[in-house]
Amino acid sequence: MTCAGWSGMPRLLPLERHREYVRPAKTLPRVEGHHADWLRACKGGPPACSPFGYGARLTELVLLGNVALRARKLLRWDAPGMKATNAPEAEPYLRGSYRAGWEIRPEGSCRSP
């Protein structure tokens, strides 16, 4: 199988196999696009195809991979506690420092400009 770059149409090789292939029926709902899907969900429509509950966990996993690379260590992750239980050296990558005005604040607090 080959694919012509980002979002390119996949093709089976040799091309005879590609021409013979019968695609399965479409069973998943189709959306107009990522932003339209998200806006429809925000306005009370059906849930988005990539809900935040899924996307947040996926993003956390990917970012933790970067932290593990920087810490040069396999991380044992405590998700509720938001810390690597076996790698105190990873803490600087998890907490970081923030520019003025971009600090993480406790839930419910805000500062007007």
PDB file of N, CA and C in Angstrom:
ATOM      1  N   MET A   1       0.855  -1.164   0.000  1.00  0.00           N
ATOM      2  CA  MET A   1       0.000   0.000   0.000  1.00  0.00           C
ATOM      3  C   MET A   1       0.904   1.231   0.000  1.00  0.00           C
ATOM      4  N   THR A   2       0.476   2.267  -0.696  1.00  0.00           N
ATOM      5  CA  THR A   2       1.211   3.518  -0.743  1.00  0.00           C
ATOM      6  C   THR A   2       0.217   4.670  -0.629  1.00  0.00           C
ATOM      7  N   CYS A   3       0.735   5.828  -0.253  1.00  0.00           N
ATOM      8  CA  CYS A   3      -0.122   6.994  -0.096  1.00  0.00           C
ATOM      9  C   CYS A   3       0.660   8.223  -0.545  1.00  0.00           C
ATOM     10  N   ALA A   4       0.025   9.079  -1.315  1.00  0.00           N
ATOM     11  CA  ALA A   4       0.698  10.265  -1.862  1.00  0.00           C
ATOM     12  C   ALA A   4       0.667  11.417  -0.865  1.00  0.00           C
ATOM     13  N   GLY A   5       1.498  11.351   0.164  1.00  0.00           N
ATOM     14  CA  GLY A   5       1.643  12.459   1.103  1.00  0.00           C
ATOM     15  C   GLY A   5       0.473  12.607   2.066  1.00  0.00           C
ATOM     16  N   TRP A   6       0.425  13.762   2.708  1.00  0.00           N
ATOM     17  CA  TRP A   6      -0.567  14.055   3.734  1.00  0.00           C
ATOM     18  C   TRP A   6      -1.980  13.968   3.172  1.00  0.00           C
ATOM     19  N   SER A   7      -2.780  13.101   3.723  1.00  0.00           N
ATOM     20  CA  SER A   7      -4.180  12.895   3.325  1.00  0.00           C
ATOM     21  C   SER A   7      -4.337  12.471   1.876  1.00  0.00           C
ATOM     22  N   GLY A   8      -3.288  11.911   1.299  1.00  0.00           N
ATOM     23  CA  GLY A   8      -3.385  11.435  -0.074  1.00  0.00           C
ATOM     24  C   GLY A   8      -4.204  10.155  -0.148  1.00  0.00           C
ATOM     25  N   MET A   9      -4.689   9.860  -1.301  1.00  0.00           N
ATOM     26  CA  MET A   9      -5.492   8.663  -1.516  1.00  0.00           C
ATOM     27  C   MET A   9      -4.608   7.419  -1.439  1.00  0.00           C
ATOM     28  N   PRO A  10      -4.906   6.490  -0.543  1.00  0.00           N
ATOM     29  CA  PRO A  10      -4.101   5.269  -0.487  1.00  0.00           C
ATOM     30  C   PRO A  10      -4.365   4.391  -1.714  1.00  0.00           C
ATOM     31  N   ARG A  11      -3.344   3.669  -2.126  1.00  0.00           N
ATOM     32  CA  ARG A  11      -3.458   2.765  -3.279  1.00  0.00           C
ATOM     33  C   ARG A  11      -2.798   1.439  -2.930  1.00  0.00           C
ATOM     34  N   LEU A  12      -3.430   0.390  -3.379  1.00  0.00           N
ATOM     35  CA  LEU A  12      -2.834  -0.936  -3.237  1.00  0.00           C
ATOM     36  C   LEU A  12      -1.904  -1.180  -4.415  1.00  0.00           C
ATOM     37  N   LEU A  13      -0.836  -1.849  -4.154  1.00  0.00           N
ATOM     38  CA  LEU A  13       0.103  -2.200  -5.213  1.00  0.00           C
ATOM     39  C   LEU A  13       0.187  -3.711  -5.322  1.00  0.00           C
ATOM     40  N   PRO A  14       0.293  -4.257  -6.478  1.00  0.00           N
ATOM     41  CA  PRO A  14       0.268  -3.614  -7.792  1.00  0.00           C
ATOM     42  C   PRO A  14      -1.113  -3.010  -8.077  1.00  0.00           C
ATOM     43  N   LEU A  15      -1.191  -2.120  -9.050  1.00  0.00           N
ATOM     44  CA  LEU A  15      -2.420  -1.389  -9.332  1.00  0.00           C
ATOM     45  C   LEU A  15      -3.597  -2.295  -9.697  1.00  0.00           C
ATOM     46  N   GLU A  16      -3.325  -3.502 -10.197  1.00  0.00           N
ATOM     47  CA  GLU A  16      -4.423  -4.424 -10.494  1.00  0.00           C
ATOM     48  C   GLU A  16      -5.217  -4.730  -9.219  1.00  0.00           C
ATOM     49  N   ARG A  17      -4.492  -4.906  -8.115  1.00  0.00           N
ATOM     50  CA  ARG A  17      -5.167  -5.172  -6.826  1.00  0.00           C
ATOM     51  C   ARG A  17      -5.983  -3.960  -6.390  1.00  0.00           C
ATOM     52  N   HIS A  18      -5.480  -2.759  -6.641  1.00  0.00           N
ATOM     53  CA  HIS A  18      -6.193  -1.538  -6.292  1.00  0.00           C
ATOM     54  C   HIS A  18      -7.509  -1.452  -7.071  1.00  0.00           C
ATOM     55  N   ARG A  19      -7.453  -1.773  -8.345  1.00  0.00           N
ATOM     56  CA  ARG A  19      -8.655  -1.696  -9.190  1.00  0.00           C
ATOM     57  C   ARG A  19      -9.686  -2.746  -8.788  1.00  0.00           C
ATOM     58  N   GLU A  20      -9.248  -3.901  -8.297  1.00  0.00           N
ATOM     59  CA  GLU A  20     -10.152  -4.987  -7.904  1.00  0.00           C
ATOM     60  C   GLU A  20     -10.784  -4.772  -6.527  1.00  0.00           C
ATOM     61  N   TYR A  21     -10.177  -3.957  -5.705  1.00  0.00           N
ATOM     62  CA  TYR A  21     -10.621  -3.793  -4.321  1.00  0.00           C
ATOM     63  C   TYR A  21     -12.013  -3.168  -4.252  1.00  0.00           C
ATOM     64  N   VAL A  22     -12.882  -3.746  -3.434  1.00  0.00           N
ATOM     65  CA  VAL A  22     -14.224  -3.214  -3.218  1.00  0.00           C
ATOM     66  C   VAL A  22     -14.239  -2.578  -1.830  1.00  0.00           C
ATOM     67  N   ARG A  23     -14.525  -1.281  -1.782  1.00  0.00           N
ATOM     68  CA  ARG A  23     -14.530  -0.566  -0.509  1.00  0.00           C
ATOM     69  C   ARG A  23     -15.714  -0.994   0.347  1.00  0.00           C
ATOM     70  N   PRO A  24     -15.522  -1.052   1.672  1.00  0.00           N
ATOM     71  CA  PRO A  24     -16.644  -1.383   2.557  1.00  0.00           C
ATOM     72  C   PRO A  24     -17.643  -0.226   2.596  1.00  0.00           C
ATOM     73  N   ALA A  25     -18.858  -0.521   2.994  1.00  0.00           N
ATOM     74  CA  ALA A  25     -19.896   0.510   3.099  1.00  0.00           C
ATOM     75  C   ALA A  25     -19.504   1.516   4.188  1.00  0.00           C
ATOM     76  N   LYS A  26     -19.872   2.772   3.994  1.00  0.00           N
ATOM     77  CA  LYS A  26     -19.607   3.810   4.984  1.00  0.00           C
ATOM     78  C   LYS A  26     -20.590   3.632   6.139  1.00  0.00           C
ATOM     79  N   THR A  27     -20.058   3.437   7.337  1.00  0.00           N
ATOM     80  CA  THR A  27     -20.918   3.228   8.505  1.00  0.00           C
ATOM     81  C   THR A  27     -20.783   4.347   9.535  1.00  0.00           C
ATOM     82  N   LEU A  28     -19.730   5.141   9.457  1.00  0.00           N
ATOM     83  CA  LEU A  28     -19.539   6.239  10.398  1.00  0.00           C
ATOM     84  C   LEU A  28     -20.118   7.515   9.817  1.00  0.00           C
ATOM     85  N   PRO A  29     -20.706   8.368  10.675  1.00  0.00           N
ATOM     86  CA  PRO A  29     -21.237   9.633  10.146  1.00  0.00           C
ATOM     87  C   PRO A  29     -20.106  10.506   9.629  1.00  0.00           C
ATOM     88  N   ARG A  30     -20.356  11.225   8.555  1.00  0.00           N
ATOM     89  CA  ARG A  30     -19.368  12.113   7.968  1.00  0.00           C
ATOM     90  C   ARG A  30     -19.636  13.537   8.456  1.00  0.00           C
ATOM     91  N   VAL A  31     -18.598  14.337   8.557  1.00  0.00           N
ATOM     92  CA  VAL A  31     -18.744  15.726   8.993  1.00  0.00           C
ATOM     93  C   VAL A  31     -18.205  16.658   7.914  1.00  0.00           C
ATOM     94  N   GLU A  32     -18.650  17.924   7.971  1.00  0.00           N
ATOM     95  CA  GLU A  32     -18.213  18.908   6.981  1.00  0.00           C
ATOM     96  C   GLU A  32     -16.760  19.301   7.185  1.00  0.00           C
ATOM     97  N   GLY A  33     -16.279  19.149   8.378  1.00  0.00           N
ATOM     98  CA  GLY A  33     -14.910  19.524   8.708  1.00  0.00           C
ATOM     99  C   GLY A  33     -14.763  19.597  10.220  1.00  0.00           C
ATOM    100  N   HIS A  34     -13.528  19.645  10.679  1.00  0.00           N
ATOM    101  CA  HIS A  34     -13.240  19.630  12.109  1.00  0.00           C
ATOM    102  C   HIS A  34     -13.905  20.802  12.845  1.00  0.00           C
ATOM    103  N   HIS A  35     -13.756  22.009  12.317  1.00  0.00           N
ATOM    104  CA  HIS A  35     -14.297  23.181  13.000  1.00  0.00           C
ATOM    105  C   HIS A  35     -15.824  23.181  12.990  1.00  0.00           C
ATOM    106  N   ALA A  36     -16.433  22.814  11.875  1.00  0.00           N
ATOM    107  CA  ALA A  36     -17.895  22.766  11.798  1.00  0.00           C
ATOM    108  C   ALA A  36     -18.441  21.725  12.773  1.00  0.00           C
ATOM    109  N   ASP A  37     -17.771  20.596  12.882  1.00  0.00           N
ATOM    110  CA  ASP A  37     -18.179  19.534  13.808  1.00  0.00           C
ATOM    111  C   ASP A  37     -18.121  20.048  15.243  1.00  0.00           C
ATOM    112  N   TRP A  38     -17.038  20.741  15.590  1.00  0.00           N
ATOM    113  CA  TRP A  38     -16.851  21.270  16.934  1.00  0.00           C
ATOM    114  C   TRP A  38     -17.903  22.341  17.256  1.00  0.00           C
ATOM    115  N   LEU A  39     -18.136  23.261  16.320  1.00  0.00           N
ATOM    116  CA  LEU A  39     -19.121  24.316  16.552  1.00  0.00           C
ATOM    117  C   LEU A  39     -20.529  23.758  16.715  1.00  0.00           C
ATOM    118  N   ARG A  40     -20.883  22.764  15.923  1.00  0.00           N
ATOM    119  CA  ARG A  40     -22.200  22.141  16.028  1.00  0.00           C
ATOM    120  C   ARG A  40     -22.379  21.527  17.421  1.00  0.00           C
ATOM    121  N   ALA A  41     -21.340  20.883  17.944  1.00  0.00           N
ATOM    122  CA  ALA A  41     -21.402  20.292  19.288  1.00  0.00           C
ATOM    123  C   ALA A  41     -21.524  21.380  20.351  1.00  0.00           C
ATOM    124  N   CYS A  42     -20.793  22.494  20.178  1.00  0.00           N
ATOM    125  CA  CYS A  42     -20.867  23.605  21.144  1.00  0.00           C
ATOM    126  C   CYS A  42     -22.265  24.207  21.200  1.00  0.00           C
ATOM    127  N   LYS A  43     -22.954  24.185  20.076  1.00  0.00           N
ATOM    128  CA  LYS A  43     -24.294  24.774  20.003  1.00  0.00           C
ATOM    129  C   LYS A  43     -25.388  23.795  20.403  1.00  0.00           C
ATOM    130  N   GLY A  44     -25.008  22.643  20.976  1.00  0.00           N
ATOM    131  CA  GLY A  44     -26.000  21.702  21.481  1.00  0.00           C
ATOM    132  C   GLY A  44     -26.362  20.597  20.515  1.00  0.00           C
ATOM    133  N   GLY A  45     -25.662  20.502  19.408  1.00  0.00           N
ATOM    134  CA  GLY A  45     -25.928  19.436  18.443  1.00  0.00           C
ATOM    135  C   GLY A  45     -25.336  18.120  18.916  1.00  0.00           C
ATOM    136  N   PRO A  46     -25.178  17.183  18.018  1.00  0.00           N
ATOM    137  CA  PRO A  46     -24.592  15.897  18.407  1.00  0.00           C
ATOM    138  C   PRO A  46     -23.152  16.084  18.886  1.00  0.00           C
ATOM    139  N   PRO A  47     -22.678  15.188  19.752  1.00  0.00           N
ATOM    140  CA  PRO A  47     -21.298  15.305  20.234  1.00  0.00           C
ATOM    141  C   PRO A  47     -20.308  15.307  19.064  1.00  0.00           C
ATOM    142  N   ALA A  48     -19.212  16.012  19.254  1.00  0.00           N
ATOM    143  CA  ALA A  48     -18.180  16.076  18.218  1.00  0.00           C
ATOM    144  C   ALA A  48     -17.577  14.693  17.993  1.00  0.00           C
ATOM    145  N   CYS A  49     -17.074  14.470  16.782  1.00  0.00           N
ATOM    146  CA  CYS A  49     -16.465  13.179  16.464  1.00  0.00           C
ATOM    147  C   CYS A  49     -15.195  12.942  17.274  1.00  0.00           C
ATOM    148  N   SER A  50     -14.509  14.010  17.659  1.00  0.00           N
ATOM    149  CA  SER A  50     -13.320  13.914  18.505  1.00  0.00           C
ATOM    150  C   SER A  50     -13.581  14.720  19.773  1.00  0.00           C
ATOM    151  N   PRO A  51     -14.305  14.140  20.728  1.00  0.00           N
ATOM    152  CA  PRO A  51     -14.660  14.889  21.932  1.00  0.00           C
ATOM    153  C   PRO A  51     -13.431  15.227  22.774  1.00  0.00           C
ATOM    154  N   PHE A  52     -13.547  16.275  23.588  1.00  0.00           N
ATOM    155  CA  PHE A  52     -12.428  16.715  24.415  1.00  0.00           C
ATOM    156  C   PHE A  52     -11.947  15.611  25.347  1.00  0.00           C
ATOM    157  N   GLY A  53     -12.854  14.786  25.848  1.00  0.00           N
ATOM    158  CA  GLY A  53     -12.464  13.697  26.743  1.00  0.00           C
ATOM    159  C   GLY A  53     -11.449  12.766  26.105  1.00  0.00           C
ATOM    160  N   TYR A  54     -11.584  12.529  24.826  1.00  0.00           N
ATOM    161  CA  TYR A  54     -10.634  11.685  24.092  1.00  0.00           C
ATOM    162  C   TYR A  54      -9.397  12.487  23.711  1.00  0.00           C
ATOM    163  N   GLY A  55      -9.618  13.666  23.154  1.00  0.00           N
ATOM    164  CA  GLY A  55      -8.515  14.488  22.685  1.00  0.00           C
ATOM    165  C   GLY A  55      -7.565  14.903  23.802  1.00  0.00           C
ATOM    166  N   ALA A  56      -8.113  15.191  24.984  1.00  0.00           N
ATOM    167  CA  ALA A  56      -7.270  15.606  26.106  1.00  0.00           C
ATOM    168  C   ALA A  56      -6.343  14.474  26.530  1.00  0.00           C
ATOM    169  N   ARG A  57      -6.870  13.251  26.606  1.00  0.00           N
ATOM    170  CA  ARG A  57      -6.040  12.109  27.002  1.00  0.00           C
ATOM    171  C   ARG A  57      -4.976  11.806  25.949  1.00  0.00           C
ATOM    172  N   LEU A  58      -5.345  11.924  24.695  1.00  0.00           N
ATOM    173  CA  LEU A  58      -4.382  11.684  23.621  1.00  0.00           C
ATOM    174  C   LEU A  58      -3.261  12.732  23.659  1.00  0.00           C
ATOM    175  N   THR A  59      -3.636  13.998  23.853  1.00  0.00           N
ATOM    176  CA  THR A  59      -2.640  15.069  23.938  1.00  0.00           C
ATOM    177  C   THR A  59      -1.725  14.859  25.137  1.00  0.00           C
ATOM    178  N   GLU A  60      -2.297  14.480  26.266  1.00  0.00           N
ATOM    179  CA  GLU A  60      -1.494  14.217  27.465  1.00  0.00           C
ATOM    180  C   GLU A  60      -0.464  13.124  27.193  1.00  0.00           C
ATOM    181  N   LEU A  61      -0.881  12.078  26.529  1.00  0.00           N
ATOM    182  CA  LEU A  61       0.017  10.971  26.205  1.00  0.00           C
ATOM    183  C   LEU A  61       1.170  11.425  25.314  1.00  0.00           C
ATOM    184  N   VAL A  62       0.858  12.191  24.288  1.00  0.00           N
ATOM    185  CA  VAL A  62       1.889  12.658  23.357  1.00  0.00           C
ATOM    186  C   VAL A  62       2.869  13.584  24.066  1.00  0.00           C
ATOM    187  N   LEU A  63       2.354  14.523  24.852  1.00  0.00           N
ATOM    188  CA  LEU A  63       3.227  15.453  25.556  1.00  0.00           C
ATOM    189  C   LEU A  63       4.081  14.750  26.601  1.00  0.00           C
ATOM    190  N   LEU A  64       3.536  13.726  27.249  1.00  0.00           N
ATOM    191  CA  LEU A  64       4.327  12.958  28.217  1.00  0.00           C
ATOM    192  C   LEU A  64       5.462  12.210  27.528  1.00  0.00           C
ATOM    193  N   GLY A  65       5.258  11.824  26.288  1.00  0.00           N
ATOM    194  CA  GLY A  65       6.351  11.213  25.530  1.00  0.00           C
ATOM    195  C   GLY A  65       7.508  12.180  25.387  1.00  0.00           C
ATOM    196  N   ASN A  66       7.191  13.463  25.143  1.00  0.00           N
ATOM    197  CA  ASN A  66       8.240  14.481  25.048  1.00  0.00           C
ATOM    198  C   ASN A  66       8.943  14.677  26.385  1.00  0.00           C
ATOM    199  N   VAL A  67       8.178  14.670  27.477  1.00  0.00           N
ATOM    200  CA  VAL A  67       8.772  14.822  28.808  1.00  0.00           C
ATOM    201  C   VAL A  67       9.692  13.640  29.098  1.00  0.00           C
ATOM    202  N   ALA A  68       9.264  12.431  28.767  1.00  0.00           N
ATOM    203  CA  ALA A  68      10.088  11.240  29.004  1.00  0.00           C
ATOM    204  C   ALA A  68      11.392  11.319  28.208  1.00  0.00           C
ATOM    205  N   LEU A  69      11.318  11.808  26.979  1.00  0.00           N
ATOM    206  CA  LEU A  69      12.544  11.966  26.185  1.00  0.00           C
ATOM    207  C   LEU A  69      13.492  12.960  26.829  1.00  0.00           C
ATOM    208  N   ARG A  70      12.956  14.065  27.314  1.00  0.00           N
ATOM    209  CA  ARG A  70      13.810  15.074  27.950  1.00  0.00           C
ATOM    210  C   ARG A  70      14.370  14.585  29.276  1.00  0.00           C
ATOM    211  N   ALA A  71      13.557  13.857  30.039  1.00  0.00           N
ATOM    212  CA  ALA A  71      14.018  13.332  31.332  1.00  0.00           C
ATOM    213  C   ALA A  71      14.906  12.101  31.140  1.00  0.00           C
ATOM    214  N   ARG A  72      14.878  11.540  29.923  1.00  0.00           N
ATOM    215  CA  ARG A  72      15.649  10.332  29.591  1.00  0.00           C
ATOM    216  C   ARG A  72      15.303   9.177  30.518  1.00  0.00           C
ATOM    217  N   LYS A  73      13.986   9.009  30.714  1.00  0.00           N
ATOM    218  CA  LYS A  73      13.543   7.983  31.650  1.00  0.00           C
ATOM    219  C   LYS A  73      12.103   7.582  31.336  1.00  0.00           C
ATOM    220  N   LEU A  74      11.806   6.297  31.538  1.00  0.00           N
ATOM    221  CA  LEU A  74      10.435   5.818  31.443  1.00  0.00           C
ATOM    222  C   LEU A  74       9.654   6.419  32.600  1.00  0.00           C
ATOM    223  N   LEU A  75       8.504   7.026  32.311  1.00  0.00           N
ATOM    224  CA  LEU A  75       7.721   7.675  33.359  1.00  0.00           C
ATOM    225  C   LEU A  75       6.613   6.765  33.859  1.00  0.00           C
ATOM    226  N   ARG A  76       6.432   6.743  35.155  1.00  0.00           N
ATOM    227  CA  ARG A  76       5.261   6.119  35.790  1.00  0.00           C
ATOM    228  C   ARG A  76       4.336   7.284  36.110  1.00  0.00           C
ATOM    229  N   TRP A  77       3.254   7.416  35.348  1.00  0.00           N
ATOM    230  CA  TRP A  77       2.427   8.608  35.401  1.00  0.00           C
ATOM    231  C   TRP A  77       1.224   8.429  36.307  1.00  0.00           C
ATOM    232  N   ASP A  78       1.059   9.348  37.252  1.00  0.00           N
ATOM    233  CA  ASP A  78      -0.116   9.428  38.125  1.00  0.00           C
ATOM    234  C   ASP A  78      -1.001  10.520  37.537  1.00  0.00           C
ATOM    235  N   ALA A  79      -1.974  10.139  36.715  1.00  0.00           N
ATOM    236  CA  ALA A  79      -2.792  11.124  36.005  1.00  0.00           C
ATOM    237  C   ALA A  79      -3.573  12.031  36.956  1.00  0.00           C
ATOM    238  N   PRO A  80      -4.288  11.487  37.963  1.00  0.00           N
ATOM    239  CA  PRO A  80      -5.027  12.394  38.860  1.00  0.00           C
ATOM    240  C   PRO A  80      -4.099  13.361  39.603  1.00  0.00           C
ATOM    241  N   GLY A  81      -2.910  12.884  39.996  1.00  0.00           N
ATOM    242  CA  GLY A  81      -1.960  13.735  40.709  1.00  0.00           C
ATOM    243  C   GLY A  81      -1.114  14.599  39.798  1.00  0.00           C
ATOM    244  N   MET A  82      -1.184  14.347  38.482  1.00  0.00           N
ATOM    245  CA  MET A  82      -0.427  15.098  37.475  1.00  0.00           C
ATOM    246  C   MET A  82       1.065  15.113  37.789  1.00  0.00           C
ATOM    247  N   LYS A  83       1.616  13.911  38.076  1.00  0.00           N
ATOM    248  CA  LYS A  83       3.055  13.863  38.326  1.00  0.00           C
ATOM    249  C   LYS A  83       3.623  12.508  37.947  1.00  0.00           C
ATOM    250  N   ALA A  84       4.903  12.511  37.651  1.00  0.00           N
ATOM    251  CA  ALA A  84       5.630  11.282  37.372  1.00  0.00           C
ATOM    252  C   ALA A  84       6.141  10.775  38.714  1.00  0.00           C
ATOM    253  N   THR A  85       5.599   9.655  39.174  1.00  0.00           N
ATOM    254  CA  THR A  85       5.905   9.170  40.518  1.00  0.00           C
ATOM    255  C   THR A  85       7.329   8.649  40.655  1.00  0.00           C
ATOM    256  N   ASN A  86       7.964   8.300  39.566  1.00  0.00           N
ATOM    257  CA  ASN A  86       9.309   7.725  39.632  1.00  0.00           C
ATOM    258  C   ASN A  86      10.388   8.645  39.069  1.00  0.00           C
ATOM    259  N   ALA A  87      10.021   9.873  38.711  1.00  0.00           N
ATOM    260  CA  ALA A  87      11.004  10.725  38.032  1.00  0.00           C
ATOM    261  C   ALA A  87      10.905  12.177  38.493  1.00  0.00           C
ATOM    262  N   PRO A  88      11.474  12.495  39.654  1.00  0.00           N
ATOM    263  CA  PRO A  88      11.437  13.896  40.085  1.00  0.00           C
ATOM    264  C   PRO A  88      12.158  14.815  39.099  1.00  0.00           C
ATOM    265  N   GLU A  89      13.095  14.267  38.321  1.00  0.00           N
ATOM    266  CA  GLU A  89      13.814  15.078  37.341  1.00  0.00           C
ATOM    267  C   GLU A  89      12.913  15.548  36.194  1.00  0.00           C
ATOM    268  N   ALA A  90      11.728  14.955  36.059  1.00  0.00           N
ATOM    269  CA  ALA A  90      10.787  15.375  35.013  1.00  0.00           C
ATOM    270  C   ALA A  90       9.969  16.588  35.449  1.00  0.00           C
ATOM    271  N   GLU A  91       9.961  16.881  36.721  1.00  0.00           N
ATOM    272  CA  GLU A  91       9.121  17.962  37.266  1.00  0.00           C
ATOM    273  C   GLU A  91       9.321  19.317  36.574  1.00  0.00           C
ATOM    274  N   PRO A  92      10.544  19.751  36.295  1.00  0.00           N
ATOM    275  CA  PRO A  92      10.691  21.047  35.605  1.00  0.00           C
ATOM    276  C   PRO A  92       9.992  21.091  34.241  1.00  0.00           C
ATOM    277  N   TYR A  93       9.915  19.960  33.565  1.00  0.00           N
ATOM    278  CA  TYR A  93       9.255  19.924  32.256  1.00  0.00           C
ATOM    279  C   TYR A  93       7.739  19.901  32.410  1.00  0.00           C
ATOM    280  N   LEU A  94       7.262  19.469  33.558  1.00  0.00           N
ATOM    281  CA  LEU A  94       5.829  19.387  33.793  1.00  0.00           C
ATOM    282  C   LEU A  94       5.270  20.695  34.334  1.00  0.00           C
ATOM    283  N   ARG A  95       6.023  21.384  35.138  1.00  0.00           N
ATOM    284  CA  ARG A  95       5.535  22.617  35.760  1.00  0.00           C
ATOM    285  C   ARG A  95       5.930  23.843  34.961  1.00  0.00           C
ATOM    286  N   GLY A  96       7.155  23.902  34.548  1.00  0.00           N
ATOM    287  CA  GLY A  96       7.622  24.998  33.707  1.00  0.00           C
ATOM    288  C   GLY A  96       7.522  26.358  34.360  1.00  0.00           C
ATOM    289  N   SER A  97       7.853  27.360  33.599  1.00  0.00           N
ATOM    290  CA  SER A  97       7.707  28.741  34.020  1.00  0.00           C
ATOM    291  C   SER A  97       6.864  29.446  32.964  1.00  0.00           C
ATOM    292  N   TYR A  98       6.174  30.464  33.385  1.00  0.00           N
ATOM    293  CA  TYR A  98       5.231  31.122  32.495  1.00  0.00           C
ATOM    294  C   TYR A  98       5.518  32.614  32.417  1.00  0.00           C
ATOM    295  N   ARG A  99       5.275  33.179  31.258  1.00  0.00           N
ATOM    296  CA  ARG A  99       5.406  34.629  31.105  1.00  0.00           C
ATOM    297  C   ARG A  99       4.305  35.306  31.906  1.00  0.00           C
ATOM    298  N   ALA A 100       4.565  36.534  32.326  1.00  0.00           N
ATOM    299  CA  ALA A 100       3.568  37.299  33.080  1.00  0.00           C
ATOM    300  C   ALA A 100       2.263  37.356  32.290  1.00  0.00           C
ATOM    301  N   GLY A 101       1.177  37.069  32.968  1.00  0.00           N
ATOM    302  CA  GLY A 101      -0.148  37.073  32.337  1.00  0.00           C
ATOM    303  C   GLY A 101      -0.573  35.715  31.799  1.00  0.00           C
ATOM    304  N   TRP A 102       0.356  34.745  31.744  1.00  0.00           N
ATOM    305  CA  TRP A 102       0.046  33.420  31.218  1.00  0.00           C
ATOM    306  C   TRP A 102       0.143  32.344  32.297  1.00  0.00           C
ATOM    307  N   GLU A 103       0.230  32.742  33.554  1.00  0.00           N
ATOM    308  CA  GLU A 103       0.361  31.781  34.639  1.00  0.00           C
ATOM    309  C   GLU A 103      -0.895  30.912  34.738  1.00  0.00           C
ATOM    310  N   ILE A 104      -0.727  29.712  35.275  1.00  0.00           N
ATOM    311  CA  ILE A 104      -1.871  28.841  35.522  1.00  0.00           C
ATOM    312  C   ILE A 104      -2.478  29.272  36.851  1.00  0.00           C
ATOM    313  N   ARG A 105      -3.760  29.557  36.846  1.00  0.00           N
ATOM    314  CA  ARG A 105      -4.446  30.023  38.048  1.00  0.00           C
ATOM    315  C   ARG A 105      -5.396  28.952  38.557  1.00  0.00           C
ATOM    316  N   PRO A 106      -5.721  29.012  39.842  1.00  0.00           N
ATOM    317  CA  PRO A 106      -6.702  28.056  40.371  1.00  0.00           C
ATOM    318  C   PRO A 106      -8.018  28.181  39.615  1.00  0.00           C
ATOM    319  N   GLU A 107      -8.762  27.080  39.547  1.00  0.00           N
ATOM    320  CA  GLU A 107     -10.039  27.084  38.839  1.00  0.00           C
ATOM    321  C   GLU A 107     -10.952  28.147  39.392  1.00  0.00           C
ATOM    322  N   GLY A 108     -11.639  28.840  38.517  1.00  0.00           N
ATOM    323  CA  GLY A 108     -12.617  29.842  38.936  1.00  0.00           C
ATOM    324  C   GLY A 108     -12.022  31.222  39.167  1.00  0.00           C
ATOM    325  N   SER A 109     -10.707  31.331  39.201  1.00  0.00           N
ATOM    326  CA  SER A 109     -10.129  32.670  39.410  1.00  0.00           C
ATOM    327  C   SER A 109      -9.762  33.266  38.064  1.00  0.00           C
ATOM    328  N   CYS A 110      -9.913  34.554  37.963  1.00  0.00           N
ATOM    329  CA  CYS A 110      -9.506  35.230  36.738  1.00  0.00           C
ATOM    330  C   CYS A 110      -9.096  36.641  37.098  1.00  0.00           C
ATOM    331  N   ARG A 111      -8.377  37.252  36.202  1.00  0.00           N
ATOM    332  CA  ARG A 111      -7.899  38.618  36.417  1.00  0.00           C
ATOM    333  C   ARG A 111      -8.285  39.411  35.203  1.00  0.00           C
ATOM    334  N   SER A 112      -8.898  40.543  35.413  1.00  0.00           N
ATOM    335  CA  SER A 112      -9.251  41.371  34.260  1.00  0.00           C
ATOM    336  C   SER A 112      -8.027  42.160  33.820  1.00  0.00           C
ATOM    337  N   PRO A 113      -7.917  42.436  32.533  1.00  0.00           N
ATOM    338  CA  PRO A 113      -6.719  43.119  32.004  1.00  0.00           C
ATOM    339  C   PRO A 113      -6.532  44.510  32.548  1.00  0.00           C
TER     340      PRO A 113
END
